[in-house]
Amino acid sequence: MSQEETKWGTVDRLLVHEGRVMLFDHTVTLPNGSPTHYEVDESIRFAAATLAISGDHVLVTRQYRYPIDRWIFDLPAGGAEDDEEPIDTARRELEEEAGIVAANLVPLHTFFLNPGRTSWPVHIFFSSESTTRGTAARDDPAEQVSTVWLRVKELDSLIAKGEIVDPALIIARTMAASRGLMPSLKSLVL
C-alpha cells in the first residue's frame, strides 16, 4: 500500500460543539507521521430518505433551508432516532413529513453527503406500491414542510434546469432510473 492509500491514525476525539450539529475535533496522525486536527460532523448515525412514486408522479417535500436561504424540493427524510434501523427511519420520516404510510420500502442506494466533513451515510429507499395517507406530525417548529406530487417529467425538467439542489433527490431519481424502477433520464434536456 502506498503512502497515499495509508489511513490516518486517530489519536484523540473531542466534542467541540453540540446543538443541531455535533462537531468533533479529531487529533490525527497523517501517513507521513505529522499530527493535525480535523473537524467532523457526527450529528447523527445516519439519515434516511424515501423516493415514493404513484403512477407518473413523484412525492417531494417543499422546505425552507436556512443555510442556503431558499425554499427547495427534497425528499421526505431525516436522521436516525435511538436504535432505529435505516428502513424504520425512512418509514417514520415519510409519515411525519408527508403523512404517507408506505406499503413497501425497497433499499435503493446509500451515499455519503459530504465525506470530507461528515461521517454519516444517507440511505435512500424506494416505494411504488399503494400508500395510504395519514396525518403529518411535525414536532419541530423549524420544519415548515409541505408535500407536492410532481409529474416525473416536471421533476426531470427541474433537475435539468439546475433547480433541484438536494443531492438525495437527484441521486434517488438517477438510481431509480438505472434500476428500471422509473423512466430513463433521456428526457433531461432543457
N, C-alpha and C. Protein backbone atom coordinates (compact mmCIF):
# COMPACT_ATOMS: atom_id res chain seq x y z
N MET A 1 0.85 -1.18 0.00
CA MET A 1 0.00 0.00 0.00
C MET A 1 0.89 1.24 0.00
N SER A 2 0.64 2.15 -0.91
CA SER A 2 1.44 3.37 -0.98
C SER A 2 1.04 4.33 0.12
N GLN A 3 1.88 5.35 0.34
CA GLN A 3 1.60 6.34 1.38
C GLN A 3 0.28 7.05 1.11
N GLU A 4 -0.07 7.27 -0.17
CA GLU A 4 -1.32 7.95 -0.49
C GLU A 4 -2.54 7.14 -0.05
N GLU A 5 -2.39 5.83 0.06
CA GLU A 5 -3.52 4.98 0.43
C GLU A 5 -3.53 4.61 1.90
N THR A 6 -2.57 5.05 2.66
CA THR A 6 -2.50 4.74 4.08
C THR A 6 -3.54 5.57 4.83
N LYS A 7 -4.23 4.92 5.74
CA LYS A 7 -5.25 5.62 6.53
C LYS A 7 -4.59 6.51 7.57
N TRP A 8 -5.33 7.51 7.99
CA TRP A 8 -4.87 8.38 9.07
C TRP A 8 -5.10 7.66 10.40
N GLY A 9 -4.26 7.96 11.36
CA GLY A 9 -4.43 7.37 12.69
C GLY A 9 -5.12 8.35 13.62
N THR A 10 -6.14 7.89 14.33
CA THR A 10 -6.85 8.75 15.28
C THR A 10 -6.14 8.69 16.63
N VAL A 11 -5.76 9.85 17.14
CA VAL A 11 -5.10 9.95 18.44
C VAL A 11 -6.10 10.32 19.52
N ASP A 12 -7.01 11.25 19.20
CA ASP A 12 -7.97 11.74 20.18
C ASP A 12 -9.19 12.27 19.45
N ARG A 13 -10.31 12.36 20.16
CA ARG A 13 -11.57 12.86 19.60
C ARG A 13 -12.26 13.65 20.71
N LEU A 14 -12.57 14.94 20.42
CA LEU A 14 -13.12 15.82 21.44
C LEU A 14 -14.35 16.54 20.90
N LEU A 15 -15.47 16.48 21.64
CA LEU A 15 -16.68 17.20 21.26
C LEU A 15 -16.41 18.70 21.44
N VAL A 16 -16.57 19.48 20.34
CA VAL A 16 -16.32 20.92 20.42
C VAL A 16 -17.58 21.75 20.27
N HIS A 17 -18.67 21.15 19.78
CA HIS A 17 -19.94 21.86 19.67
C HIS A 17 -21.06 20.84 19.66
N GLU A 18 -22.11 21.15 20.45
CA GLU A 18 -23.30 20.30 20.45
C GLU A 18 -24.53 21.19 20.38
N GLY A 19 -25.30 21.05 19.31
CA GLY A 19 -26.53 21.79 19.07
C GLY A 19 -27.29 21.02 18.02
N ARG A 20 -27.82 21.71 17.00
CA ARG A 20 -28.42 20.98 15.87
C ARG A 20 -27.35 20.12 15.20
N VAL A 21 -26.11 20.57 15.30
CA VAL A 21 -24.97 19.85 14.74
C VAL A 21 -24.02 19.49 15.87
N MET A 22 -23.43 18.31 15.79
CA MET A 22 -22.41 17.90 16.75
C MET A 22 -21.08 17.82 16.03
N LEU A 23 -20.16 18.69 16.41
CA LEU A 23 -18.84 18.71 15.79
C LEU A 23 -17.80 18.14 16.75
N PHE A 24 -16.97 17.27 16.21
CA PHE A 24 -15.88 16.69 16.97
C PHE A 24 -14.56 17.11 16.34
N ASP A 25 -13.60 17.44 17.18
CA ASP A 25 -12.25 17.75 16.73
C ASP A 25 -11.43 16.47 16.91
N HIS A 26 -10.98 15.92 15.81
CA HIS A 26 -10.17 14.71 15.84
C HIS A 26 -8.70 15.12 15.75
N THR A 27 -7.90 14.63 16.66
CA THR A 27 -6.45 14.76 16.53
C THR A 27 -6.01 13.51 15.80
N VAL A 28 -5.35 13.71 14.65
CA VAL A 28 -4.97 12.56 13.82
C VAL A 28 -3.50 12.63 13.45
N THR A 29 -2.98 11.48 13.06
CA THR A 29 -1.63 11.40 12.54
C THR A 29 -1.72 11.08 11.06
N LEU A 30 -1.11 11.93 10.23
CA LEU A 30 -1.12 11.73 8.79
C LEU A 30 -0.14 10.61 8.42
N PRO A 31 -0.25 10.05 7.21
CA PRO A 31 0.64 8.96 6.81
C PRO A 31 2.14 9.29 6.94
N ASN A 32 2.50 10.57 6.82
CA ASN A 32 3.92 10.94 6.95
C ASN A 32 4.33 11.13 8.41
N GLY A 33 3.39 10.87 9.34
CA GLY A 33 3.69 10.98 10.76
C GLY A 33 3.34 12.32 11.39
N SER A 34 2.97 13.30 10.58
CA SER A 34 2.63 14.64 11.09
C SER A 34 1.28 14.63 11.80
N PRO A 35 1.18 15.30 12.93
CA PRO A 35 -0.12 15.42 13.60
C PRO A 35 -0.90 16.59 13.01
N THR A 36 -2.22 16.47 13.04
CA THR A 36 -3.08 17.57 12.62
C THR A 36 -4.45 17.40 13.28
N HIS A 37 -5.30 18.39 13.10
CA HIS A 37 -6.66 18.34 13.63
C HIS A 37 -7.63 18.32 12.46
N TYR A 38 -8.75 17.62 12.64
CA TYR A 38 -9.76 17.52 11.59
C TYR A 38 -11.14 17.53 12.26
N GLU A 39 -11.98 18.50 11.90
CA GLU A 39 -13.32 18.59 12.47
C GLU A 39 -14.30 17.77 11.64
N VAL A 40 -15.11 16.98 12.34
CA VAL A 40 -16.05 16.08 11.69
C VAL A 40 -17.44 16.28 12.28
N ASP A 41 -18.44 16.40 11.39
CA ASP A 41 -19.84 16.47 11.80
C ASP A 41 -20.30 15.04 12.08
N GLU A 42 -20.58 14.75 13.34
CA GLU A 42 -21.06 13.43 13.76
C GLU A 42 -22.44 13.58 14.40
N SER A 43 -23.27 14.41 13.79
CA SER A 43 -24.57 14.76 14.37
C SER A 43 -25.51 13.58 14.54
N ILE A 44 -25.49 12.67 13.60
CA ILE A 44 -26.40 11.52 13.62
C ILE A 44 -25.65 10.27 13.17
N ARG A 45 -26.24 9.11 13.43
CA ARG A 45 -25.61 7.87 12.95
C ARG A 45 -25.79 7.72 11.45
N PHE A 46 -26.98 8.10 10.97
CA PHE A 46 -27.29 8.05 9.54
C PHE A 46 -28.57 8.83 9.29
N ALA A 47 -28.83 9.10 8.02
CA ALA A 47 -30.10 9.70 7.60
C ALA A 47 -30.76 8.72 6.64
N ALA A 48 -32.06 8.88 6.47
CA ALA A 48 -32.80 8.04 5.52
C ALA A 48 -33.81 8.91 4.79
N ALA A 49 -34.01 8.61 3.51
CA ALA A 49 -34.93 9.35 2.66
C ALA A 49 -35.71 8.36 1.81
N THR A 50 -36.90 8.77 1.36
CA THR A 50 -37.72 7.88 0.53
C THR A 50 -38.16 8.58 -0.74
N LEU A 51 -37.94 7.89 -1.86
CA LEU A 51 -38.48 8.32 -3.15
C LEU A 51 -39.76 7.50 -3.35
N ALA A 52 -40.90 8.15 -3.20
CA ALA A 52 -42.20 7.49 -3.38
C ALA A 52 -42.81 7.93 -4.69
N ILE A 53 -43.28 6.95 -5.47
CA ILE A 53 -43.94 7.27 -6.73
C ILE A 53 -45.34 6.67 -6.75
N SER A 54 -46.20 7.32 -7.50
CA SER A 54 -47.55 6.83 -7.73
C SER A 54 -47.88 7.15 -9.18
N GLY A 55 -47.93 6.12 -10.00
CA GLY A 55 -48.15 6.34 -11.43
C GLY A 55 -47.01 7.15 -12.01
N ASP A 56 -47.31 8.29 -12.63
CA ASP A 56 -46.27 9.13 -13.20
C ASP A 56 -45.96 10.34 -12.31
N HIS A 57 -46.20 10.20 -11.00
CA HIS A 57 -45.94 11.28 -10.05
C HIS A 57 -44.92 10.85 -9.00
N VAL A 58 -44.15 11.81 -8.54
CA VAL A 58 -43.14 11.61 -7.50
C VAL A 58 -43.50 12.51 -6.33
N LEU A 59 -43.44 11.95 -5.12
CA LEU A 59 -43.69 12.72 -3.92
C LEU A 59 -42.42 13.46 -3.50
N VAL A 60 -42.52 14.77 -3.38
CA VAL A 60 -41.41 15.58 -2.87
C VAL A 60 -41.92 16.47 -1.75
N THR A 61 -41.02 16.92 -0.94
CA THR A 61 -41.39 17.89 0.09
C THR A 61 -40.82 19.24 -0.32
N ARG A 62 -41.45 20.27 0.16
CA ARG A 62 -41.00 21.64 -0.12
C ARG A 62 -40.68 22.24 1.24
N GLN A 63 -39.40 22.66 1.41
CA GLN A 63 -38.95 23.17 2.70
C GLN A 63 -38.00 24.35 2.51
N TYR A 64 -38.04 25.24 3.48
CA TYR A 64 -37.07 26.34 3.51
C TYR A 64 -35.79 25.80 4.13
N ARG A 65 -34.66 26.07 3.50
CA ARG A 65 -33.36 25.62 4.00
C ARG A 65 -32.52 26.85 4.32
N TYR A 66 -32.42 27.14 5.61
CA TYR A 66 -31.75 28.35 6.07
C TYR A 66 -30.31 28.48 5.58
N PRO A 67 -29.47 27.42 5.61
CA PRO A 67 -28.08 27.61 5.20
C PRO A 67 -27.92 28.15 3.77
N ILE A 68 -28.88 27.85 2.89
CA ILE A 68 -28.78 28.37 1.52
C ILE A 68 -29.84 29.44 1.25
N ASP A 69 -30.63 29.80 2.27
CA ASP A 69 -31.61 30.88 2.22
C ASP A 69 -32.57 30.75 1.04
N ARG A 70 -33.16 29.55 0.90
CA ARG A 70 -34.14 29.37 -0.16
C ARG A 70 -35.03 28.17 0.11
N TRP A 71 -36.18 28.19 -0.53
CA TRP A 71 -37.10 27.06 -0.49
C TRP A 71 -36.66 26.06 -1.55
N ILE A 72 -36.67 24.78 -1.20
CA ILE A 72 -36.25 23.76 -2.16
C ILE A 72 -37.22 22.58 -2.14
N PHE A 73 -37.16 21.78 -3.20
CA PHE A 73 -37.80 20.47 -3.21
C PHE A 73 -36.77 19.48 -2.72
N ASP A 74 -37.20 18.56 -1.86
CA ASP A 74 -36.33 17.47 -1.44
C ASP A 74 -37.20 16.26 -1.17
N LEU A 75 -36.63 15.23 -0.61
CA LEU A 75 -37.37 14.02 -0.28
C LEU A 75 -37.75 14.02 1.20
N PRO A 76 -38.84 13.35 1.55
CA PRO A 76 -39.10 13.15 2.97
C PRO A 76 -37.91 12.40 3.57
N ALA A 77 -37.27 13.02 4.57
CA ALA A 77 -36.02 12.44 5.08
C ALA A 77 -35.73 12.97 6.48
N GLY A 78 -34.82 12.29 7.14
CA GLY A 78 -34.39 12.75 8.45
C GLY A 78 -33.37 11.82 9.05
N GLY A 79 -32.90 12.19 10.22
CA GLY A 79 -31.88 11.43 10.92
C GLY A 79 -32.45 10.35 11.81
N ALA A 80 -31.60 9.38 12.10
CA ALA A 80 -31.98 8.26 12.95
C ALA A 80 -32.28 8.71 14.37
N GLU A 81 -33.21 8.03 14.99
CA GLU A 81 -33.51 8.24 16.40
C GLU A 81 -33.20 6.94 17.14
N ASP A 82 -32.58 7.07 18.29
CA ASP A 82 -32.29 5.93 19.17
C ASP A 82 -31.64 4.78 18.40
N ASP A 83 -32.25 3.60 18.49
CA ASP A 83 -31.67 2.41 17.85
C ASP A 83 -32.36 2.04 16.55
N GLU A 84 -32.94 3.00 15.87
CA GLU A 84 -33.65 2.72 14.62
C GLU A 84 -32.72 2.14 13.57
N GLU A 85 -33.29 1.30 12.74
CA GLU A 85 -32.63 0.83 11.53
C GLU A 85 -32.99 1.82 10.42
N PRO A 86 -32.19 1.89 9.35
CA PRO A 86 -32.49 2.84 8.27
C PRO A 86 -33.92 2.75 7.72
N ILE A 87 -34.43 1.55 7.52
CA ILE A 87 -35.78 1.42 6.97
C ILE A 87 -36.83 1.98 7.93
N ASP A 88 -36.60 1.84 9.23
CA ASP A 88 -37.54 2.38 10.22
C ASP A 88 -37.50 3.91 10.23
N THR A 89 -36.30 4.49 10.06
CA THR A 89 -36.17 5.94 9.98
C THR A 89 -36.89 6.46 8.74
N ALA A 90 -36.69 5.78 7.60
CA ALA A 90 -37.35 6.18 6.36
C ALA A 90 -38.87 6.13 6.51
N ARG A 91 -39.37 5.06 7.10
CA ARG A 91 -40.81 4.91 7.29
C ARG A 91 -41.36 6.01 8.20
N ARG A 92 -40.66 6.28 9.32
CA ARG A 92 -41.10 7.31 10.26
C ARG A 92 -41.09 8.70 9.62
N GLU A 93 -40.02 9.04 8.92
CA GLU A 93 -39.92 10.36 8.29
C GLU A 93 -40.96 10.56 7.19
N LEU A 94 -41.24 9.51 6.43
CA LEU A 94 -42.26 9.61 5.39
C LEU A 94 -43.62 9.91 6.00
N GLU A 95 -43.90 9.28 7.12
CA GLU A 95 -45.19 9.53 7.79
C GLU A 95 -45.21 10.89 8.48
N GLU A 96 -44.11 11.26 9.16
CA GLU A 96 -44.06 12.55 9.86
C GLU A 96 -44.12 13.74 8.91
N GLU A 97 -43.36 13.68 7.82
CA GLU A 97 -43.26 14.83 6.92
C GLU A 97 -44.35 14.88 5.87
N ALA A 98 -44.83 13.70 5.44
CA ALA A 98 -45.78 13.69 4.33
C ALA A 98 -47.12 13.06 4.67
N GLY A 99 -47.23 12.46 5.85
CA GLY A 99 -48.47 11.80 6.19
C GLY A 99 -48.71 10.56 5.37
N ILE A 100 -47.65 9.95 4.85
CA ILE A 100 -47.76 8.77 3.98
C ILE A 100 -47.28 7.54 4.72
N VAL A 101 -48.07 6.48 4.65
CA VAL A 101 -47.66 5.19 5.18
C VAL A 101 -47.41 4.31 3.96
N ALA A 102 -46.16 3.97 3.74
CA ALA A 102 -45.79 3.21 2.54
C ALA A 102 -46.14 1.73 2.71
N ALA A 103 -46.67 1.13 1.66
CA ALA A 103 -46.96 -0.30 1.67
C ALA A 103 -45.67 -1.10 1.53
N ASN A 104 -44.66 -0.50 0.90
CA ASN A 104 -43.38 -1.17 0.74
C ASN A 104 -42.26 -0.15 0.73
N LEU A 105 -41.09 -0.54 1.19
CA LEU A 105 -39.89 0.28 1.08
C LEU A 105 -38.76 -0.64 0.66
N VAL A 106 -38.13 -0.29 -0.45
CA VAL A 106 -37.05 -1.09 -1.01
C VAL A 106 -35.77 -0.27 -0.95
N PRO A 107 -34.67 -0.84 -0.42
CA PRO A 107 -33.41 -0.09 -0.42
C PRO A 107 -33.01 0.26 -1.86
N LEU A 108 -32.64 1.52 -2.08
CA LEU A 108 -32.30 1.99 -3.42
C LEU A 108 -30.81 2.30 -3.55
N HIS A 109 -30.26 3.01 -2.56
CA HIS A 109 -28.85 3.40 -2.65
C HIS A 109 -28.42 3.99 -1.30
N THR A 110 -27.14 3.91 -1.02
CA THR A 110 -26.56 4.56 0.17
C THR A 110 -25.38 5.39 -0.30
N PHE A 111 -25.30 6.63 0.18
CA PHE A 111 -24.19 7.50 -0.18
C PHE A 111 -23.82 8.35 1.02
N PHE A 112 -22.68 9.03 0.93
CA PHE A 112 -22.24 9.95 1.97
C PHE A 112 -22.40 11.36 1.44
N LEU A 113 -23.15 12.17 2.15
CA LEU A 113 -23.50 13.52 1.73
C LEU A 113 -22.28 14.40 1.52
N ASN A 114 -21.35 14.38 2.45
CA ASN A 114 -20.14 15.19 2.36
C ASN A 114 -19.02 14.44 3.07
N PRO A 115 -18.41 13.45 2.39
CA PRO A 115 -17.42 12.60 3.06
C PRO A 115 -16.18 13.34 3.54
N GLY A 116 -16.02 14.57 3.14
CA GLY A 116 -14.89 15.36 3.63
C GLY A 116 -15.16 16.01 4.98
N ARG A 117 -16.43 16.03 5.42
CA ARG A 117 -16.77 16.70 6.68
C ARG A 117 -17.77 15.95 7.55
N THR A 118 -18.52 15.00 6.97
CA THR A 118 -19.50 14.27 7.77
C THR A 118 -19.18 12.78 7.75
N SER A 119 -19.53 12.09 8.84
CA SER A 119 -19.23 10.66 8.93
C SER A 119 -20.44 9.79 8.66
N TRP A 120 -21.61 10.39 8.46
CA TRP A 120 -22.82 9.58 8.39
C TRP A 120 -23.33 9.38 6.96
N PRO A 121 -23.83 8.15 6.69
CA PRO A 121 -24.39 7.85 5.37
C PRO A 121 -25.85 8.28 5.28
N VAL A 122 -26.32 8.39 4.04
CA VAL A 122 -27.73 8.62 3.74
C VAL A 122 -28.24 7.38 3.01
N HIS A 123 -29.25 6.75 3.57
CA HIS A 123 -29.86 5.56 2.98
C HIS A 123 -31.12 6.00 2.25
N ILE A 124 -31.20 5.68 0.96
CA ILE A 124 -32.37 6.05 0.17
C ILE A 124 -33.21 4.81 -0.08
N PHE A 125 -34.51 4.96 0.11
CA PHE A 125 -35.45 3.88 -0.14
C PHE A 125 -36.41 4.29 -1.26
N PHE A 126 -37.05 3.28 -1.85
CA PHE A 126 -37.98 3.49 -2.96
C PHE A 126 -39.31 2.84 -2.60
N SER A 127 -40.39 3.52 -2.90
CA SER A 127 -41.72 2.97 -2.68
C SER A 127 -42.60 3.24 -3.88
N SER A 128 -43.21 2.18 -4.42
CA SER A 128 -44.10 2.36 -5.57
C SER A 128 -45.46 1.73 -5.35
N GLU A 129 -45.59 0.90 -4.32
CA GLU A 129 -46.88 0.28 -4.06
C GLU A 129 -47.82 1.31 -3.46
N SER A 130 -49.09 0.94 -3.46
CA SER A 130 -50.08 1.90 -2.96
C SER A 130 -49.72 2.32 -1.53
N THR A 131 -49.93 3.58 -1.29
CA THR A 131 -49.67 4.13 0.03
C THR A 131 -50.97 4.68 0.58
N THR A 132 -51.03 4.78 1.87
CA THR A 132 -52.21 5.39 2.48
C THR A 132 -51.79 6.70 3.10
N ARG A 133 -52.68 7.63 3.10
CA ARG A 133 -52.39 8.94 3.68
C ARG A 133 -52.82 8.97 5.13
N GLY A 134 -51.88 9.31 5.96
CA GLY A 134 -52.17 9.52 7.37
C GLY A 134 -52.15 11.01 7.61
N THR A 135 -51.76 11.40 8.78
CA THR A 135 -51.65 12.81 9.11
C THR A 135 -50.20 13.13 9.42
N ALA A 136 -49.65 14.11 8.76
CA ALA A 136 -48.28 14.52 9.04
C ALA A 136 -48.20 15.05 10.47
N ALA A 137 -47.16 14.65 11.18
CA ALA A 137 -46.99 15.07 12.57
C ALA A 137 -45.61 15.68 12.73
N ARG A 138 -45.56 17.00 12.83
CA ARG A 138 -44.28 17.69 12.93
C ARG A 138 -44.14 18.31 14.31
N ASP A 139 -43.07 17.92 15.00
CA ASP A 139 -42.82 18.46 16.34
C ASP A 139 -41.84 19.62 16.32
N ASP A 140 -41.06 19.75 15.27
CA ASP A 140 -40.02 20.78 15.20
C ASP A 140 -40.58 22.02 14.51
N PRO A 141 -40.68 23.16 15.23
CA PRO A 141 -41.23 24.37 14.61
C PRO A 141 -40.35 24.90 13.47
N ALA A 142 -39.09 24.50 13.41
CA ALA A 142 -38.22 24.94 12.32
C ALA A 142 -38.49 24.15 11.03
N GLU A 143 -39.29 23.09 11.12
CA GLU A 143 -39.65 22.32 9.94
C GLU A 143 -40.98 22.82 9.40
N GLN A 144 -40.92 23.57 8.33
CA GLN A 144 -42.10 24.02 7.62
C GLN A 144 -42.14 23.23 6.32
N VAL A 145 -42.88 22.14 6.35
CA VAL A 145 -42.86 21.19 5.25
C VAL A 145 -44.22 21.10 4.59
N SER A 146 -44.22 21.15 3.27
CA SER A 146 -45.43 20.85 2.52
C SER A 146 -45.07 19.74 1.53
N THR A 147 -46.07 19.00 1.10
CA THR A 147 -45.81 17.92 0.15
C THR A 147 -46.40 18.27 -1.20
N VAL A 148 -45.73 17.80 -2.23
CA VAL A 148 -46.14 18.05 -3.61
C VAL A 148 -45.94 16.76 -4.40
N TRP A 149 -46.92 16.42 -5.19
CA TRP A 149 -46.76 15.29 -6.13
C TRP A 149 -46.43 15.89 -7.50
N LEU A 150 -45.17 15.79 -7.90
CA LEU A 150 -44.72 16.30 -9.21
C LEU A 150 -44.80 15.20 -10.25
N ARG A 151 -45.15 15.57 -11.47
CA ARG A 151 -45.04 14.61 -12.58
C ARG A 151 -43.55 14.33 -12.78
N VAL A 152 -43.22 13.11 -13.17
CA VAL A 152 -41.82 12.73 -13.39
C VAL A 152 -41.18 13.68 -14.40
N LYS A 153 -41.89 14.02 -15.47
CA LYS A 153 -41.34 14.93 -16.48
C LYS A 153 -41.03 16.30 -15.88
N GLU A 154 -41.88 16.76 -14.97
CA GLU A 154 -41.66 18.05 -14.32
C GLU A 154 -40.42 17.99 -13.42
N LEU A 155 -40.29 16.90 -12.66
CA LEU A 155 -39.10 16.72 -11.83
C LEU A 155 -37.85 16.71 -12.70
N ASP A 156 -37.89 15.94 -13.78
CA ASP A 156 -36.73 15.86 -14.68
C ASP A 156 -36.37 17.22 -15.26
N SER A 157 -37.37 18.00 -15.60
CA SER A 157 -37.13 19.34 -16.13
C SER A 157 -36.46 20.23 -15.08
N LEU A 158 -36.95 20.15 -13.83
CA LEU A 158 -36.35 20.94 -12.75
C LEU A 158 -34.90 20.52 -12.48
N ILE A 159 -34.64 19.23 -12.58
CA ILE A 159 -33.25 18.74 -12.42
C ILE A 159 -32.38 19.29 -13.54
N ALA A 160 -32.87 19.19 -14.78
CA ALA A 160 -32.09 19.65 -15.94
C ALA A 160 -31.81 21.15 -15.88
N LYS A 161 -32.73 21.92 -15.33
CA LYS A 161 -32.55 23.37 -15.23
C LYS A 161 -31.70 23.77 -14.03
N GLY A 162 -31.30 22.80 -13.20
CA GLY A 162 -30.50 23.11 -12.02
C GLY A 162 -31.32 23.64 -10.86
N GLU A 163 -32.63 23.48 -10.93
CA GLU A 163 -33.49 23.99 -9.86
C GLU A 163 -33.64 23.01 -8.70
N ILE A 164 -33.31 21.75 -8.92
CA ILE A 164 -33.28 20.76 -7.82
C ILE A 164 -31.85 20.74 -7.32
N VAL A 165 -31.67 21.09 -6.04
CA VAL A 165 -30.32 21.17 -5.47
C VAL A 165 -30.08 20.11 -4.39
N ASP A 166 -31.13 19.38 -4.01
CA ASP A 166 -30.99 18.36 -2.97
C ASP A 166 -30.33 17.11 -3.56
N PRO A 167 -29.13 16.74 -3.07
CA PRO A 167 -28.45 15.59 -3.65
C PRO A 167 -29.21 14.28 -3.49
N ALA A 168 -29.90 14.08 -2.38
CA ALA A 168 -30.64 12.82 -2.19
C ALA A 168 -31.71 12.66 -3.26
N LEU A 169 -32.40 13.74 -3.62
CA LEU A 169 -33.44 13.67 -4.64
C LEU A 169 -32.83 13.36 -6.01
N ILE A 170 -31.73 14.00 -6.34
CA ILE A 170 -31.07 13.76 -7.63
C ILE A 170 -30.53 12.33 -7.70
N ILE A 171 -29.89 11.88 -6.64
CA ILE A 171 -29.34 10.53 -6.60
C ILE A 171 -30.46 9.49 -6.65
N ALA A 172 -31.53 9.72 -5.90
CA ALA A 172 -32.65 8.78 -5.89
C ALA A 172 -33.26 8.65 -7.28
N ARG A 173 -33.47 9.79 -7.96
CA ARG A 173 -34.05 9.76 -9.32
C ARG A 173 -33.13 8.99 -10.26
N THR A 174 -31.84 9.25 -10.18
CA THR A 174 -30.86 8.59 -11.04
C THR A 174 -30.82 7.09 -10.79
N MET A 175 -30.76 6.69 -9.52
CA MET A 175 -30.68 5.27 -9.18
C MET A 175 -31.96 4.54 -9.54
N ALA A 176 -33.12 5.18 -9.35
CA ALA A 176 -34.38 4.54 -9.72
C ALA A 176 -34.43 4.28 -11.22
N ALA A 177 -33.94 5.23 -12.02
CA ALA A 177 -33.90 5.05 -13.47
C ALA A 177 -32.91 3.95 -13.84
N SER A 178 -31.76 3.92 -13.18
CA SER A 178 -30.73 2.92 -13.53
C SER A 178 -31.19 1.51 -13.21
N ARG A 179 -32.12 1.36 -12.28
CA ARG A 179 -32.64 0.04 -11.93
C ARG A 179 -33.95 -0.29 -12.64
N GLY A 180 -34.39 0.59 -13.52
CA GLY A 180 -35.61 0.35 -14.26
C GLY A 180 -36.89 0.55 -13.45
N LEU A 181 -36.78 1.23 -12.33
CA LEU A 181 -37.94 1.48 -11.47
C LEU A 181 -38.72 2.72 -11.90
N MET A 182 -38.07 3.57 -12.68
CA MET A 182 -38.68 4.80 -13.22
C MET A 182 -38.19 4.95 -14.65
N PRO A 183 -38.84 5.82 -15.42
CA PRO A 183 -38.38 6.05 -16.80
C PRO A 183 -36.92 6.50 -16.83
N SER A 184 -36.28 6.26 -17.96
CA SER A 184 -34.88 6.66 -18.12
C SER A 184 -34.76 8.17 -18.05
N LEU A 185 -33.53 8.63 -17.92
CA LEU A 185 -33.28 10.05 -17.79
C LEU A 185 -33.02 10.72 -19.14
N LYS A 186 -33.36 10.07 -20.24
CA LYS A 186 -33.15 10.67 -21.56
C LYS A 186 -33.87 12.00 -21.70
N SER A 187 -34.92 12.17 -20.92
CA SER A 187 -35.71 13.40 -21.03
C SER A 187 -35.06 14.58 -20.34
N LEU A 188 -33.88 14.40 -19.74
CA LEU A 188 -33.23 15.50 -19.02
C LEU A 188 -32.58 16.48 -19.99
N VAL A 189 -33.40 17.19 -20.72
CA VAL A 189 -32.91 18.23 -21.62
C VAL A 189 -33.70 19.49 -21.37
N LEU A 190 -33.06 20.63 -21.61
CA LEU A 190 -33.76 21.90 -21.42
C LEU A 190 -34.71 22.19 -22.56
